[in-house]
Amino acid sequence: MHCLHHSLSPLPSFAKSADKTAKKSTFASCKTLQIRAMRAVVQRVTSASVEVDGHMVSEIGPGLLVLVGLHESDTDSNADYICRKVLNMRLFTNESTGRGWDQNVMQRNYEVLLVSQFTLYGVLKGNKPDFHVAMPPQKAKPFYESLVDKFRKAYRPDAIKDGVFGAMMKVNLVNDGPVTMQLDSSQSSK
């Protein structure tokens, strides 16, 4: 969403101060309209895995690697939207017809690897990242676990894998295509 302030005609001098005030309030309202949504970076992969402390904790063959960023204001409706959209994204070729972008991960009977990644809500302040809009860890951990559960209930429990919340993870992947899509749940309110 873009915020624009248009002036259709030149303003008389007495109205210029009112115009400056209007511009300031428009700018302030633009700041409040920033994206507030769960964010997912979805990558089509031939394989992906997560390692913690040198030990493999999860791995998948063909399917989707989904990096998930939680915003501090996320709710269950954001999680429902991301779950539904990720599982239904038509990112795979239909092998029987040859049509590209025709099937989703469930139709192909592939797997999904979810990885919590608060850095998706990093904002650079100078050269240093700031993560103040990411959901705080004490709230994010149970919220993320409920998201993983939503995926398992919506598809097959054994087809949904995840990393270790809050751990220093090594994520390995072979991106197929490459195909990478970004998805924000802000669209769920429309």
N, C-alpha and C. Protein backbone atom coordinates (compact mmCIF):
# COMPACT_ATOMS: atom_id res chain seq x y z
N MET A 1 0.85 -1.17 0.00
CA MET A 1 0.00 0.00 0.00
C MET A 1 0.89 1.23 0.00
N HIS A 2 0.58 2.18 -0.87
CA HIS A 2 1.36 3.40 -0.95
C HIS A 2 0.53 4.55 -0.42
N CYS A 3 1.15 5.45 0.31
CA CYS A 3 0.49 6.65 0.78
C CYS A 3 0.98 7.79 -0.08
N LEU A 4 0.05 8.52 -0.66
CA LEU A 4 0.41 9.66 -1.49
C LEU A 4 -0.35 10.88 -1.03
N HIS A 5 0.29 12.03 -1.16
CA HIS A 5 -0.37 13.29 -0.86
C HIS A 5 -0.35 14.09 -2.14
N HIS A 6 -1.51 14.32 -2.70
CA HIS A 6 -1.60 15.07 -3.95
C HIS A 6 -2.20 16.43 -3.69
N SER A 7 -1.66 17.42 -4.35
CA SER A 7 -2.24 18.75 -4.31
C SER A 7 -2.73 19.05 -5.72
N LEU A 8 -4.02 19.26 -5.87
CA LEU A 8 -4.59 19.45 -7.20
C LEU A 8 -4.41 20.87 -7.72
N SER A 9 -4.27 21.85 -6.84
CA SER A 9 -4.08 23.22 -7.31
C SER A 9 -3.15 23.94 -6.35
N PRO A 10 -2.47 25.00 -6.84
CA PRO A 10 -1.59 25.75 -5.94
C PRO A 10 -2.38 26.31 -4.76
N LEU A 11 -1.77 26.32 -3.59
CA LEU A 11 -2.45 26.79 -2.39
C LEU A 11 -2.14 28.25 -2.14
N PRO A 12 -3.14 29.03 -1.72
CA PRO A 12 -2.86 30.41 -1.31
C PRO A 12 -1.97 30.40 -0.08
N SER A 13 -1.27 31.50 0.19
CA SER A 13 -0.28 31.56 1.26
C SER A 13 -0.88 31.22 2.63
N PHE A 14 -2.13 31.63 2.90
CA PHE A 14 -2.71 31.34 4.22
C PHE A 14 -2.98 29.85 4.41
N ALA A 15 -3.05 29.09 3.32
CA ALA A 15 -3.35 27.66 3.43
C ALA A 15 -2.09 26.81 3.47
N LYS A 16 -0.92 27.42 3.23
CA LYS A 16 0.31 26.63 3.18
C LYS A 16 0.64 25.98 4.52
N SER A 17 0.41 26.68 5.64
CA SER A 17 0.71 26.06 6.93
C SER A 17 -0.25 24.90 7.20
N ALA A 18 -1.50 25.04 6.78
CA ALA A 18 -2.46 23.94 6.93
C ALA A 18 -2.03 22.75 6.06
N ASP A 19 -1.48 23.06 4.86
CA ASP A 19 -1.02 22.01 3.97
C ASP A 19 0.16 21.25 4.58
N LYS A 20 1.07 21.98 5.23
CA LYS A 20 2.21 21.33 5.88
C LYS A 20 1.73 20.40 7.00
N THR A 21 0.73 20.86 7.76
CA THR A 21 0.16 20.03 8.82
C THR A 21 -0.48 18.78 8.23
N ALA A 22 -1.20 18.94 7.12
CA ALA A 22 -1.84 17.81 6.46
C ALA A 22 -0.80 16.81 5.98
N LYS A 23 0.31 17.33 5.41
CA LYS A 23 1.37 16.44 4.94
C LYS A 23 1.96 15.66 6.11
N LYS A 24 2.17 16.34 7.25
CA LYS A 24 2.72 15.66 8.42
C LYS A 24 1.78 14.56 8.90
N SER A 25 0.46 14.87 8.95
CA SER A 25 -0.49 13.86 9.43
C SER A 25 -0.61 12.73 8.42
N THR A 26 -0.51 13.04 7.11
CA THR A 26 -0.53 11.98 6.11
C THR A 26 0.69 11.09 6.27
N PHE A 27 1.87 11.70 6.51
CA PHE A 27 3.09 10.93 6.72
C PHE A 27 2.94 10.05 7.96
N ALA A 28 2.38 10.61 9.02
CA ALA A 28 2.19 9.85 10.25
C ALA A 28 1.26 8.66 10.02
N SER A 29 0.18 8.88 9.25
CA SER A 29 -0.73 7.76 8.99
C SER A 29 -0.07 6.73 8.09
N CYS A 30 0.83 7.15 7.20
CA CYS A 30 1.57 6.18 6.37
C CYS A 30 2.43 5.30 7.25
N LYS A 31 3.03 5.87 8.27
CA LYS A 31 3.88 5.08 9.15
C LYS A 31 3.07 4.00 9.86
N THR A 32 1.80 4.31 10.18
CA THR A 32 0.98 3.32 10.87
C THR A 32 0.46 2.25 9.90
N LEU A 33 0.56 2.51 8.58
CA LEU A 33 0.06 1.55 7.61
C LEU A 33 1.16 0.60 7.12
N GLN A 34 2.29 0.57 7.80
CA GLN A 34 3.34 -0.36 7.39
C GLN A 34 2.83 -1.79 7.52
N ILE A 35 3.46 -2.68 6.76
CA ILE A 35 3.03 -4.08 6.77
C ILE A 35 3.15 -4.66 8.17
N ARG A 36 2.07 -5.22 8.64
CA ARG A 36 2.04 -5.92 9.92
C ARG A 36 1.46 -7.28 9.63
N ALA A 37 2.34 -8.23 9.39
CA ALA A 37 1.87 -9.52 8.91
C ALA A 37 2.90 -10.59 9.14
N MET A 38 2.43 -11.82 9.16
CA MET A 38 3.36 -12.93 9.15
C MET A 38 3.99 -12.96 7.76
N ARG A 39 5.26 -13.27 7.71
CA ARG A 39 5.99 -13.27 6.44
C ARG A 39 6.56 -14.67 6.22
N ALA A 40 6.45 -15.15 4.98
CA ALA A 40 7.02 -16.44 4.62
C ALA A 40 7.82 -16.29 3.33
N VAL A 41 9.02 -16.84 3.33
CA VAL A 41 9.81 -16.96 2.12
C VAL A 41 9.76 -18.44 1.75
N VAL A 42 9.14 -18.72 0.61
CA VAL A 42 8.86 -20.09 0.19
C VAL A 42 9.81 -20.44 -0.96
N GLN A 43 10.57 -21.52 -0.78
CA GLN A 43 11.51 -21.95 -1.80
C GLN A 43 11.20 -23.37 -2.23
N ARG A 44 11.07 -23.54 -3.54
CA ARG A 44 10.87 -24.89 -4.08
C ARG A 44 12.24 -25.58 -4.09
N VAL A 45 12.30 -26.76 -3.48
CA VAL A 45 13.59 -27.44 -3.32
C VAL A 45 13.54 -28.88 -3.82
N THR A 46 14.71 -29.39 -4.22
CA THR A 46 14.83 -30.83 -4.47
C THR A 46 15.21 -31.53 -3.18
N SER A 47 15.84 -30.76 -2.24
CA SER A 47 16.13 -31.27 -0.90
C SER A 47 16.46 -30.10 0.01
N ALA A 48 16.26 -30.29 1.30
CA ALA A 48 16.60 -29.27 2.30
C ALA A 48 16.78 -29.97 3.64
N SER A 49 17.62 -29.35 4.49
CA SER A 49 17.85 -29.93 5.82
C SER A 49 18.23 -28.85 6.81
N VAL A 50 18.09 -29.19 8.09
CA VAL A 50 18.48 -28.30 9.18
C VAL A 50 19.40 -29.07 10.11
N GLU A 51 20.54 -28.43 10.44
CA GLU A 51 21.51 -28.98 11.37
C GLU A 51 21.61 -28.07 12.57
N VAL A 52 21.71 -28.64 13.76
CA VAL A 52 21.95 -27.88 14.99
C VAL A 52 23.09 -28.58 15.72
N ASP A 53 24.12 -27.82 16.07
CA ASP A 53 25.30 -28.36 16.77
C ASP A 53 25.88 -29.60 16.07
N GLY A 54 25.92 -29.56 14.75
CA GLY A 54 26.51 -30.66 13.99
C GLY A 54 25.63 -31.88 13.83
N HIS A 55 24.38 -31.81 14.32
CA HIS A 55 23.46 -32.95 14.21
C HIS A 55 22.30 -32.58 13.30
N MET A 56 21.96 -33.49 12.38
CA MET A 56 20.82 -33.29 11.49
C MET A 56 19.54 -33.41 12.31
N VAL A 57 18.69 -32.37 12.30
CA VAL A 57 17.44 -32.44 13.07
C VAL A 57 16.22 -32.63 12.17
N SER A 58 16.32 -32.20 10.90
CA SER A 58 15.22 -32.37 9.95
C SER A 58 15.77 -32.38 8.54
N GLU A 59 15.13 -33.16 7.69
CA GLU A 59 15.47 -33.11 6.27
C GLU A 59 14.29 -33.55 5.44
N ILE A 60 14.22 -33.00 4.24
CA ILE A 60 13.17 -33.36 3.30
C ILE A 60 13.80 -33.60 1.93
N GLY A 61 13.06 -34.32 1.11
CA GLY A 61 13.41 -34.47 -0.30
C GLY A 61 12.72 -33.35 -1.06
N PRO A 62 12.13 -33.64 -2.22
CA PRO A 62 11.44 -32.60 -2.98
C PRO A 62 10.29 -31.99 -2.18
N GLY A 63 10.14 -30.68 -2.31
CA GLY A 63 9.05 -29.98 -1.62
C GLY A 63 9.34 -28.52 -1.45
N LEU A 64 8.98 -28.00 -0.28
CA LEU A 64 9.12 -26.58 0.00
C LEU A 64 9.88 -26.35 1.29
N LEU A 65 10.84 -25.43 1.24
CA LEU A 65 11.47 -24.90 2.44
C LEU A 65 10.81 -23.56 2.69
N VAL A 66 10.26 -23.38 3.90
CA VAL A 66 9.52 -22.16 4.22
C VAL A 66 10.17 -21.49 5.43
N LEU A 67 10.77 -20.31 5.18
CA LEU A 67 11.31 -19.49 6.27
C LEU A 67 10.18 -18.61 6.75
N VAL A 68 9.91 -18.63 8.06
CA VAL A 68 8.74 -17.95 8.62
C VAL A 68 9.18 -16.85 9.58
N GLY A 69 8.74 -15.62 9.29
CA GLY A 69 8.98 -14.48 10.18
C GLY A 69 7.69 -14.08 10.85
N LEU A 70 7.72 -13.99 12.18
CA LEU A 70 6.51 -13.62 12.93
C LEU A 70 6.59 -12.16 13.33
N HIS A 71 5.55 -11.41 13.00
CA HIS A 71 5.43 -10.01 13.40
C HIS A 71 4.80 -9.95 14.78
N GLU A 72 5.15 -8.94 15.56
CA GLU A 72 4.65 -8.83 16.94
C GLU A 72 3.13 -8.80 17.03
N SER A 73 2.44 -8.40 15.95
CA SER A 73 0.97 -8.29 16.00
C SER A 73 0.25 -9.47 15.35
N ASP A 74 0.97 -10.53 14.98
CA ASP A 74 0.33 -11.66 14.31
C ASP A 74 -0.71 -12.36 15.20
N THR A 75 -1.74 -12.85 14.53
CA THR A 75 -2.82 -13.58 15.20
C THR A 75 -3.03 -14.92 14.49
N ASP A 76 -3.97 -15.71 14.99
CA ASP A 76 -4.28 -17.00 14.36
C ASP A 76 -4.72 -16.84 12.91
N SER A 77 -5.41 -15.75 12.58
CA SER A 77 -5.86 -15.58 11.19
C SER A 77 -4.67 -15.40 10.26
N ASN A 78 -3.58 -14.78 10.72
CA ASN A 78 -2.37 -14.67 9.91
C ASN A 78 -1.78 -16.06 9.67
N ALA A 79 -1.74 -16.87 10.72
CA ALA A 79 -1.20 -18.23 10.61
C ALA A 79 -2.06 -19.09 9.68
N ASP A 80 -3.38 -18.96 9.79
CA ASP A 80 -4.28 -19.72 8.91
C ASP A 80 -4.03 -19.37 7.45
N TYR A 81 -3.87 -18.07 7.18
CA TYR A 81 -3.64 -17.60 5.82
C TYR A 81 -2.34 -18.17 5.26
N ILE A 82 -1.24 -18.05 6.01
CA ILE A 82 0.05 -18.54 5.55
C ILE A 82 0.00 -20.04 5.30
N CYS A 83 -0.59 -20.78 6.21
CA CYS A 83 -0.71 -22.23 6.06
C CYS A 83 -1.48 -22.58 4.79
N ARG A 84 -2.63 -21.97 4.61
CA ARG A 84 -3.47 -22.26 3.44
C ARG A 84 -2.75 -21.90 2.14
N LYS A 85 -2.15 -20.71 2.09
CA LYS A 85 -1.50 -20.26 0.86
C LYS A 85 -0.28 -21.10 0.52
N VAL A 86 0.57 -21.40 1.50
CA VAL A 86 1.78 -22.18 1.23
C VAL A 86 1.41 -23.56 0.70
N LEU A 87 0.46 -24.22 1.35
CA LEU A 87 0.10 -25.57 0.93
C LEU A 87 -0.60 -25.60 -0.43
N ASN A 88 -1.18 -24.49 -0.84
CA ASN A 88 -1.92 -24.46 -2.10
C ASN A 88 -1.20 -23.73 -3.23
N MET A 89 -0.01 -23.18 -2.97
CA MET A 89 0.75 -22.50 -4.03
C MET A 89 1.08 -23.49 -5.13
N ARG A 90 0.72 -23.15 -6.36
CA ARG A 90 0.98 -24.06 -7.48
C ARG A 90 2.37 -23.76 -8.05
N LEU A 91 3.36 -24.39 -7.47
CA LEU A 91 4.75 -24.14 -7.83
C LEU A 91 5.39 -25.32 -8.57
N PHE A 92 4.62 -26.36 -8.82
CA PHE A 92 5.18 -27.57 -9.41
C PHE A 92 4.52 -27.89 -10.75
N THR A 93 5.31 -28.54 -11.61
CA THR A 93 4.82 -28.98 -12.92
C THR A 93 3.96 -30.23 -12.74
N ASN A 94 2.88 -30.29 -13.49
CA ASN A 94 2.05 -31.49 -13.53
C ASN A 94 2.73 -32.45 -14.49
N GLU A 95 3.28 -33.54 -13.97
CA GLU A 95 4.05 -34.46 -14.81
C GLU A 95 3.19 -35.19 -15.83
N SER A 96 1.89 -35.41 -15.54
CA SER A 96 1.06 -36.12 -16.51
C SER A 96 0.66 -35.24 -17.69
N THR A 97 0.51 -33.93 -17.47
CA THR A 97 0.11 -33.05 -18.58
C THR A 97 1.27 -32.20 -19.10
N GLY A 98 2.34 -32.09 -18.30
CA GLY A 98 3.46 -31.23 -18.70
C GLY A 98 3.24 -29.76 -18.41
N ARG A 99 2.09 -29.42 -17.84
CA ARG A 99 1.79 -28.01 -17.54
C ARG A 99 2.59 -27.54 -16.35
N GLY A 100 3.30 -26.41 -16.53
CA GLY A 100 4.05 -25.81 -15.44
C GLY A 100 3.15 -25.03 -14.51
N TRP A 101 3.61 -24.81 -13.29
CA TRP A 101 2.89 -24.01 -12.30
C TRP A 101 1.46 -24.52 -12.13
N ASP A 102 1.33 -25.83 -12.03
CA ASP A 102 -0.01 -26.43 -12.05
C ASP A 102 -0.38 -27.19 -10.78
N GLN A 103 0.62 -27.64 -10.00
CA GLN A 103 0.28 -28.44 -8.84
C GLN A 103 0.93 -27.89 -7.57
N ASN A 104 0.27 -28.17 -6.45
CA ASN A 104 0.80 -27.73 -5.16
C ASN A 104 1.57 -28.89 -4.50
N VAL A 105 2.17 -28.60 -3.37
CA VAL A 105 3.00 -29.58 -2.66
C VAL A 105 2.18 -30.81 -2.24
N MET A 106 0.91 -30.62 -1.91
CA MET A 106 0.08 -31.75 -1.48
C MET A 106 -0.26 -32.66 -2.66
N GLN A 107 -0.56 -32.05 -3.82
CA GLN A 107 -0.89 -32.85 -5.00
C GLN A 107 0.31 -33.71 -5.44
N ARG A 108 1.50 -33.21 -5.19
CA ARG A 108 2.71 -33.96 -5.55
C ARG A 108 3.15 -34.91 -4.44
N ASN A 109 2.48 -34.84 -3.29
CA ASN A 109 2.81 -35.69 -2.15
C ASN A 109 4.24 -35.42 -1.66
N TYR A 110 4.64 -34.15 -1.71
CA TYR A 110 5.98 -33.72 -1.29
C TYR A 110 5.94 -33.27 0.16
N GLU A 111 7.11 -32.86 0.67
CA GLU A 111 7.24 -32.47 2.06
C GLU A 111 7.45 -30.96 2.20
N VAL A 112 7.28 -30.47 3.43
CA VAL A 112 7.47 -29.06 3.76
C VAL A 112 8.38 -28.99 4.97
N LEU A 113 9.41 -28.14 4.88
CA LEU A 113 10.32 -27.89 6.00
C LEU A 113 10.13 -26.44 6.44
N LEU A 114 9.60 -26.25 7.65
CA LEU A 114 9.37 -24.92 8.21
C LEU A 114 10.54 -24.53 9.10
N VAL A 115 11.01 -23.29 8.95
CA VAL A 115 12.11 -22.80 9.76
C VAL A 115 11.76 -21.40 10.26
N SER A 116 11.71 -21.25 11.58
CA SER A 116 11.42 -19.93 12.18
C SER A 116 12.60 -19.01 11.92
N GLN A 117 12.32 -17.79 11.42
CA GLN A 117 13.40 -16.86 11.10
C GLN A 117 12.98 -15.43 11.40
N PHE A 118 13.26 -14.99 12.64
CA PHE A 118 12.88 -13.64 13.06
C PHE A 118 13.59 -12.56 12.24
N THR A 119 14.72 -12.90 11.61
CA THR A 119 15.46 -11.89 10.85
C THR A 119 14.71 -11.41 9.61
N LEU A 120 13.63 -12.10 9.24
CA LEU A 120 12.80 -11.60 8.14
C LEU A 120 12.15 -10.27 8.50
N TYR A 121 12.11 -9.95 9.79
CA TYR A 121 11.60 -8.64 10.23
C TYR A 121 12.71 -7.73 10.70
N GLY A 122 13.91 -7.93 10.20
CA GLY A 122 15.02 -7.03 10.50
C GLY A 122 14.91 -5.76 9.67
N VAL A 123 15.19 -4.64 10.31
CA VAL A 123 15.21 -3.33 9.64
C VAL A 123 16.58 -2.74 9.91
N LEU A 124 17.25 -2.28 8.86
CA LEU A 124 18.56 -1.69 9.06
C LEU A 124 18.44 -0.29 9.63
N LYS A 125 19.15 -0.04 10.72
CA LYS A 125 19.28 1.29 11.29
C LYS A 125 20.75 1.63 11.14
N GLY A 126 21.05 2.39 10.08
CA GLY A 126 22.44 2.56 9.69
C GLY A 126 22.87 1.25 9.06
N ASN A 127 23.87 0.61 9.63
CA ASN A 127 24.32 -0.68 9.12
C ASN A 127 24.00 -1.83 10.05
N LYS A 128 23.31 -1.53 11.16
CA LYS A 128 23.01 -2.56 12.15
C LYS A 128 21.54 -2.96 12.06
N PRO A 129 21.27 -4.28 12.03
CA PRO A 129 19.86 -4.70 11.98
C PRO A 129 19.16 -4.50 13.32
N ASP A 130 17.90 -4.15 13.22
CA ASP A 130 17.04 -3.95 14.39
C ASP A 130 15.83 -4.87 14.20
N PHE A 131 15.48 -5.62 15.22
CA PHE A 131 14.40 -6.61 15.09
C PHE A 131 13.20 -6.28 15.99
N HIS A 132 12.98 -5.00 16.28
CA HIS A 132 11.96 -4.62 17.26
C HIS A 132 10.53 -4.97 16.84
N VAL A 133 10.25 -5.15 15.55
CA VAL A 133 8.88 -5.49 15.16
C VAL A 133 8.64 -7.00 15.09
N ALA A 134 9.71 -7.79 15.25
CA ALA A 134 9.54 -9.25 15.29
C ALA A 134 8.87 -9.63 16.61
N MET A 135 8.09 -10.69 16.58
CA MET A 135 7.43 -11.16 17.80
C MET A 135 8.49 -11.57 18.82
N PRO A 136 8.36 -11.14 20.09
CA PRO A 136 9.34 -11.52 21.10
C PRO A 136 9.37 -13.04 21.31
N PRO A 137 10.56 -13.59 21.60
CA PRO A 137 10.73 -15.05 21.67
C PRO A 137 9.76 -15.77 22.60
N GLN A 138 9.46 -15.21 23.77
CA GLN A 138 8.58 -15.89 24.72
C GLN A 138 7.16 -16.05 24.18
N LYS A 139 6.73 -15.15 23.31
CA LYS A 139 5.42 -15.25 22.66
C LYS A 139 5.53 -16.02 21.34
N ALA A 140 6.67 -15.83 20.66
CA ALA A 140 6.85 -16.41 19.33
C ALA A 140 6.96 -17.94 19.36
N LYS A 141 7.61 -18.50 20.38
CA LYS A 141 7.81 -19.95 20.41
C LYS A 141 6.48 -20.71 20.40
N PRO A 142 5.53 -20.43 21.33
CA PRO A 142 4.26 -21.16 21.27
C PRO A 142 3.46 -20.84 20.01
N PHE A 143 3.58 -19.60 19.53
CA PHE A 143 2.86 -19.22 18.30
C PHE A 143 3.40 -20.01 17.11
N TYR A 144 4.72 -20.09 17.00
CA TYR A 144 5.34 -20.85 15.91
C TYR A 144 4.95 -22.33 16.01
N GLU A 145 4.97 -22.89 17.21
CA GLU A 145 4.59 -24.30 17.39
C GLU A 145 3.15 -24.54 16.95
N SER A 146 2.27 -23.56 17.21
CA SER A 146 0.88 -23.71 16.77
C SER A 146 0.78 -23.62 15.24
N LEU A 147 1.66 -22.84 14.61
CA LEU A 147 1.69 -22.77 13.15
C LEU A 147 2.12 -24.12 12.56
N VAL A 148 3.15 -24.72 13.12
CA VAL A 148 3.60 -26.04 12.66
C VAL A 148 2.46 -27.05 12.80
N ASP A 149 1.74 -26.98 13.90
CA ASP A 149 0.60 -27.87 14.13
C ASP A 149 -0.50 -27.65 13.09
N LYS A 150 -0.75 -26.40 12.71
CA LYS A 150 -1.75 -26.10 11.67
C LYS A 150 -1.35 -26.78 10.35
N PHE A 151 -0.08 -26.68 9.99
CA PHE A 151 0.40 -27.33 8.77
C PHE A 151 0.19 -28.84 8.85
N ARG A 152 0.51 -29.42 9.99
CA ARG A 152 0.38 -30.88 10.14
C ARG A 152 -1.08 -31.32 10.04
N LYS A 153 -1.99 -30.54 10.61
CA LYS A 153 -3.41 -30.88 10.55
C LYS A 153 -3.98 -30.66 9.15
N ALA A 154 -3.46 -29.68 8.43
CA ALA A 154 -3.99 -29.36 7.10
C ALA A 154 -3.46 -30.29 6.01
N TYR A 155 -2.35 -30.95 6.28
CA TYR A 155 -1.74 -31.84 5.27
C TYR A 155 -1.55 -33.21 5.89
N ARG A 156 -0.33 -33.70 5.95
CA ARG A 156 0.00 -34.97 6.61
C ARG A 156 1.05 -34.68 7.67
N PRO A 157 0.84 -35.13 8.89
CA PRO A 157 1.81 -34.84 9.96
C PRO A 157 3.24 -35.24 9.61
N ASP A 158 3.40 -36.39 8.95
CA ASP A 158 4.75 -36.89 8.63
C ASP A 158 5.40 -36.11 7.48
N ALA A 159 4.65 -35.30 6.75
CA ALA A 159 5.20 -34.53 5.63
C ALA A 159 5.67 -33.14 6.05
N ILE A 160 5.38 -32.76 7.30
CA ILE A 160 5.77 -31.44 7.80
C ILE A 160 6.91 -31.59 8.79
N LYS A 161 8.04 -30.97 8.47
CA LYS A 161 9.22 -31.00 9.34
C LYS A 161 9.51 -29.57 9.77
N ASP A 162 10.31 -29.43 10.82
CA ASP A 162 10.70 -28.08 11.22
C ASP A 162 12.08 -28.08 11.84
N GLY A 163 12.60 -26.87 12.03
CA GLY A 163 13.90 -26.70 12.67
C GLY A 163 13.74 -26.69 14.18
N VAL A 164 14.69 -26.05 14.86
CA VAL A 164 14.65 -25.94 16.32
C VAL A 164 14.50 -24.46 16.64
N PHE A 165 13.37 -24.09 17.22
CA PHE A 165 13.09 -22.69 17.50
C PHE A 165 14.18 -22.09 18.39
N GLY A 166 14.71 -20.95 17.98
CA GLY A 166 15.69 -20.22 18.79
C GLY A 166 17.11 -20.74 18.71
N ALA A 167 17.33 -21.85 18.04
CA ALA A 167 18.68 -22.42 17.95
C ALA A 167 19.44 -21.78 16.80
N MET A 168 20.77 -21.85 16.87
CA MET A 168 21.61 -21.46 15.75
C MET A 168 21.58 -22.63 14.78
N MET A 169 20.91 -22.44 13.65
CA MET A 169 20.69 -23.53 12.70
C MET A 169 21.53 -23.33 11.44
N LYS A 170 21.93 -24.44 10.84
CA LYS A 170 22.51 -24.43 9.51
C LYS A 170 21.46 -25.02 8.59
N VAL A 171 20.98 -24.20 7.69
CA VAL A 171 19.93 -24.63 6.76
C VAL A 171 20.58 -24.87 5.40
N ASN A 172 20.47 -26.08 4.92
CA ASN A 172 21.00 -26.44 3.61
C ASN A 172 19.84 -26.68 2.67
N LEU A 173 20.00 -26.24 1.42
CA LEU A 173 18.93 -26.47 0.46
C LEU A 173 19.49 -26.52 -0.94
N VAL A 174 18.79 -27.24 -1.79
CA VAL A 174 19.03 -27.20 -3.23
C VAL A 174 17.76 -26.62 -3.82
N ASN A 175 17.83 -25.32 -4.17
CA ASN A 175 16.66 -24.62 -4.71
C ASN A 175 16.41 -25.13 -6.12
N ASP A 176 15.18 -25.51 -6.39
CA ASP A 176 14.80 -26.09 -7.67
C ASP A 176 14.22 -25.02 -8.57
N GLY A 177 14.98 -24.60 -9.55
CA GLY A 177 14.50 -23.60 -10.50
C GLY A 177 15.54 -22.56 -10.85
N PRO A 178 15.94 -21.67 -9.97
CA PRO A 178 15.44 -21.48 -8.61
C PRO A 178 14.05 -20.85 -8.59
N VAL A 179 13.26 -21.27 -7.62
CA VAL A 179 11.93 -20.70 -7.39
C VAL A 179 11.87 -20.25 -5.95
N THR A 180 11.67 -18.95 -5.74
CA THR A 180 11.54 -18.37 -4.40
C THR A 180 10.42 -17.35 -4.45
N MET A 181 9.46 -17.47 -3.54
CA MET A 181 8.32 -16.55 -3.46
C MET A 181 8.25 -15.98 -2.05
N GLN A 182 7.87 -14.69 -1.96
CA GLN A 182 7.63 -14.09 -0.65
C GLN A 182 6.14 -13.88 -0.48
N LEU A 183 5.67 -14.19 0.71
CA LEU A 183 4.24 -14.13 1.01
C LEU A 183 4.04 -13.40 2.33
N ASP A 184 3.16 -12.40 2.34
CA ASP A 184 2.81 -11.69 3.57
C ASP A 184 1.33 -11.91 3.86
N SER A 185 1.00 -12.17 5.11
CA SER A 185 -0.39 -12.46 5.47
C SER A 185 -1.26 -11.22 5.52
N SER A 186 -0.72 -10.04 5.28
CA SER A 186 -1.53 -8.81 5.29
C SER A 186 -2.66 -8.90 4.29
N GLN A 187 -2.49 -9.71 3.25
CA GLN A 187 -3.53 -9.86 2.24
C GLN A 187 -4.75 -10.58 2.80
N SER A 188 -4.60 -11.26 3.96
CA SER A 188 -5.70 -12.03 4.51
C SER A 188 -6.87 -11.18 4.97
N SER A 189 -6.61 -9.88 5.23
CA SER A 189 -7.69 -9.02 5.70
C SER A 189 -8.50 -8.44 4.54
N LYS A 190 -8.04 -8.68 3.30
CA LYS A 190 -8.75 -8.12 2.15
C LYS A 190 -9.80 -9.05 1.63
